[in-house]
């Protein structure tokens, strides 16, 4: 799933990002997930992260 796909999700969606079977998640991907996590509530999107660490975004 790309950040473009995440941005195109309709308001009110429920999203699960499951990292339980991932050995490594690229830092750029973690940043994209974090940006989406921060924006999701304003769009009424319920986001659940499983075994995905959060990262600090530059400038935030």
N, C-alpha and C. Protein backbone atom coordinates (compact mmCIF):
# COMPACT_ATOMS: atom_id res chain seq x y z
N UNK A 1 0.86 -1.17 0.00
CA UNK A 1 0.00 0.00 0.00
C UNK A 1 0.90 1.23 0.00
N UNK A 2 0.63 2.15 -0.88
CA UNK A 2 1.44 3.37 -0.98
C UNK A 2 0.78 4.52 -0.23
N UNK A 3 1.54 5.59 -0.01
CA UNK A 3 0.97 6.77 0.65
C UNK A 3 -0.14 7.35 -0.20
N UNK A 4 -0.03 7.26 -1.52
CA UNK A 4 -1.10 7.75 -2.39
C UNK A 4 -2.38 6.97 -2.12
N UNK A 5 -2.26 5.67 -1.96
CA UNK A 5 -3.43 4.85 -1.65
C UNK A 5 -4.03 5.27 -0.32
N UNK A 6 -3.20 5.51 0.68
CA UNK A 6 -3.70 5.94 1.99
C UNK A 6 -4.42 7.28 1.88
N UNK A 7 -3.87 8.20 1.11
CA UNK A 7 -4.48 9.52 0.95
C UNK A 7 -5.81 9.45 0.23
N UNK A 8 -6.03 8.43 -0.59
CA UNK A 8 -7.26 8.31 -1.37
C UNK A 8 -8.36 7.55 -0.64
N UNK A 9 -8.07 7.05 0.55
CA UNK A 9 -9.11 6.34 1.30
C UNK A 9 -10.23 7.30 1.67
N UNK A 10 -11.46 6.85 1.56
CA UNK A 10 -12.58 7.73 1.89
C UNK A 10 -12.65 8.01 3.39
N UNK A 11 -13.19 9.18 3.71
CA UNK A 11 -13.41 9.53 5.11
C UNK A 11 -14.25 8.45 5.76
N UNK A 12 -13.96 8.17 7.02
CA UNK A 12 -14.72 7.16 7.75
C UNK A 12 -14.20 5.74 7.57
N UNK A 13 -13.10 5.58 6.84
CA UNK A 13 -12.53 4.24 6.63
C UNK A 13 -11.93 3.70 7.92
N UNK A 14 -11.78 2.38 7.94
CA UNK A 14 -11.05 1.71 9.01
C UNK A 14 -9.85 1.05 8.36
N UNK A 15 -8.67 1.30 8.91
CA UNK A 15 -7.43 0.82 8.30
C UNK A 15 -6.60 0.08 9.34
N UNK A 16 -6.09 -1.08 8.95
CA UNK A 16 -5.17 -1.84 9.78
C UNK A 16 -3.85 -1.95 9.04
N UNK A 17 -2.78 -1.49 9.67
CA UNK A 17 -1.43 -1.68 9.14
C UNK A 17 -0.77 -2.69 10.06
N UNK A 18 -0.54 -3.88 9.54
CA UNK A 18 -0.04 -5.00 10.34
C UNK A 18 1.41 -5.30 9.98
N UNK A 19 2.30 -5.01 10.91
CA UNK A 19 3.72 -5.25 10.68
C UNK A 19 4.24 -6.48 11.38
N UNK A 20 3.35 -7.34 11.87
CA UNK A 20 3.78 -8.48 12.68
C UNK A 20 4.67 -9.46 11.92
N UNK A 21 4.52 -9.54 10.62
CA UNK A 21 5.33 -10.50 9.86
C UNK A 21 6.47 -9.82 9.11
N UNK A 22 6.71 -8.55 9.42
CA UNK A 22 7.77 -7.80 8.75
C UNK A 22 9.06 -7.89 9.55
N UNK A 23 10.15 -8.17 8.85
CA UNK A 23 11.46 -8.17 9.49
C UNK A 23 11.99 -6.74 9.60
N UNK A 24 11.79 -5.96 8.54
CA UNK A 24 12.28 -4.59 8.48
C UNK A 24 11.24 -3.73 7.77
N UNK A 25 11.02 -2.53 8.29
CA UNK A 25 10.18 -1.55 7.60
C UNK A 25 11.05 -0.33 7.37
N UNK A 26 11.20 0.05 6.12
CA UNK A 26 12.04 1.18 5.74
C UNK A 26 11.62 2.44 6.48
N UNK A 27 12.61 3.26 6.85
CA UNK A 27 12.33 4.50 7.59
C UNK A 27 11.39 5.42 6.82
N UNK A 28 11.54 5.50 5.50
CA UNK A 28 10.64 6.34 4.69
C UNK A 28 9.20 5.87 4.80
N UNK A 29 9.02 4.56 4.84
CA UNK A 29 7.67 4.00 4.98
C UNK A 29 7.11 4.32 6.36
N UNK A 30 7.94 4.21 7.39
CA UNK A 30 7.50 4.56 8.75
C UNK A 30 7.09 6.02 8.83
N UNK A 31 7.83 6.90 8.16
CA UNK A 31 7.48 8.32 8.14
C UNK A 31 6.13 8.54 7.45
N UNK A 32 5.90 7.84 6.36
CA UNK A 32 4.62 7.97 5.64
C UNK A 32 3.47 7.47 6.51
N UNK A 33 3.68 6.36 7.20
CA UNK A 33 2.64 5.83 8.09
C UNK A 33 2.37 6.82 9.22
N UNK A 34 3.41 7.40 9.78
CA UNK A 34 3.24 8.36 10.87
C UNK A 34 2.49 9.60 10.40
N UNK A 35 2.81 10.09 9.22
CA UNK A 35 2.10 11.25 8.68
C UNK A 35 0.62 10.92 8.49
N UNK A 36 0.34 9.72 7.99
CA UNK A 36 -1.05 9.29 7.81
C UNK A 36 -1.74 9.15 9.16
N UNK A 37 -1.03 8.59 10.15
CA UNK A 37 -1.61 8.42 11.49
C UNK A 37 -2.04 9.76 12.08
N UNK A 38 -1.23 10.78 11.87
CA UNK A 38 -1.55 12.10 12.41
C UNK A 38 -2.73 12.75 11.68
N UNK A 39 -2.86 12.49 10.39
CA UNK A 39 -3.92 13.11 9.59
C UNK A 39 -5.24 12.34 9.65
N UNK A 40 -5.19 11.08 9.99
CA UNK A 40 -6.37 10.21 9.94
C UNK A 40 -7.55 10.72 10.78
N UNK A 41 -7.35 11.15 12.02
CA UNK A 41 -8.51 11.58 12.83
C UNK A 41 -9.31 12.72 12.20
N UNK A 42 -8.64 13.65 11.55
CA UNK A 42 -9.34 14.78 10.93
C UNK A 42 -10.25 14.32 9.80
N UNK A 43 -9.96 13.14 9.25
CA UNK A 43 -10.77 12.59 8.16
C UNK A 43 -11.72 11.51 8.66
N UNK A 44 -11.76 11.32 9.97
CA UNK A 44 -12.63 10.30 10.53
C UNK A 44 -12.17 8.89 10.24
N UNK A 45 -10.88 8.73 10.01
CA UNK A 45 -10.33 7.41 9.68
C UNK A 45 -9.81 6.77 10.96
N UNK A 46 -10.26 5.55 11.21
CA UNK A 46 -9.79 4.77 12.36
C UNK A 46 -8.59 3.95 11.90
N UNK A 47 -7.44 4.20 12.50
CA UNK A 47 -6.21 3.52 12.11
C UNK A 47 -5.71 2.67 13.26
N UNK A 48 -5.44 1.41 12.97
CA UNK A 48 -4.84 0.52 13.96
C UNK A 48 -3.48 0.09 13.43
N UNK A 49 -2.45 0.25 14.26
CA UNK A 49 -1.11 -0.19 13.91
C UNK A 49 -0.76 -1.39 14.78
N UNK A 50 -0.31 -2.45 14.15
CA UNK A 50 0.14 -3.64 14.88
C UNK A 50 1.62 -3.86 14.61
N UNK A 51 2.39 -3.82 15.67
CA UNK A 51 3.84 -4.04 15.57
C UNK A 51 4.50 -3.14 14.53
N UNK A 52 4.08 -1.89 14.52
CA UNK A 52 4.70 -0.87 13.66
C UNK A 52 5.13 0.25 14.59
N UNK A 53 6.43 0.49 14.66
CA UNK A 53 6.90 1.54 15.56
C UNK A 53 6.62 2.90 14.96
N UNK A 54 6.48 3.89 15.81
CA UNK A 54 6.26 5.25 15.33
C UNK A 54 7.60 5.97 15.28
N UNK A 55 7.68 6.98 14.44
CA UNK A 55 8.90 7.77 14.31
C UNK A 55 8.53 9.24 14.42
N UNK A 56 9.52 10.03 14.81
CA UNK A 56 9.31 11.48 14.85
C UNK A 56 9.46 12.02 13.44
N UNK A 57 8.57 12.94 13.08
CA UNK A 57 8.64 13.56 11.77
C UNK A 57 9.46 14.84 11.87
N UNK A 58 10.28 15.10 10.89
CA UNK A 58 11.07 16.33 10.86
C UNK A 58 10.15 17.53 10.85
N UNK A 59 10.47 18.51 11.68
CA UNK A 59 9.67 19.72 11.72
C UNK A 59 8.41 19.62 12.54
N UNK A 60 8.22 18.53 13.28
CA UNK A 60 7.00 18.37 14.10
C UNK A 60 7.38 18.16 15.55
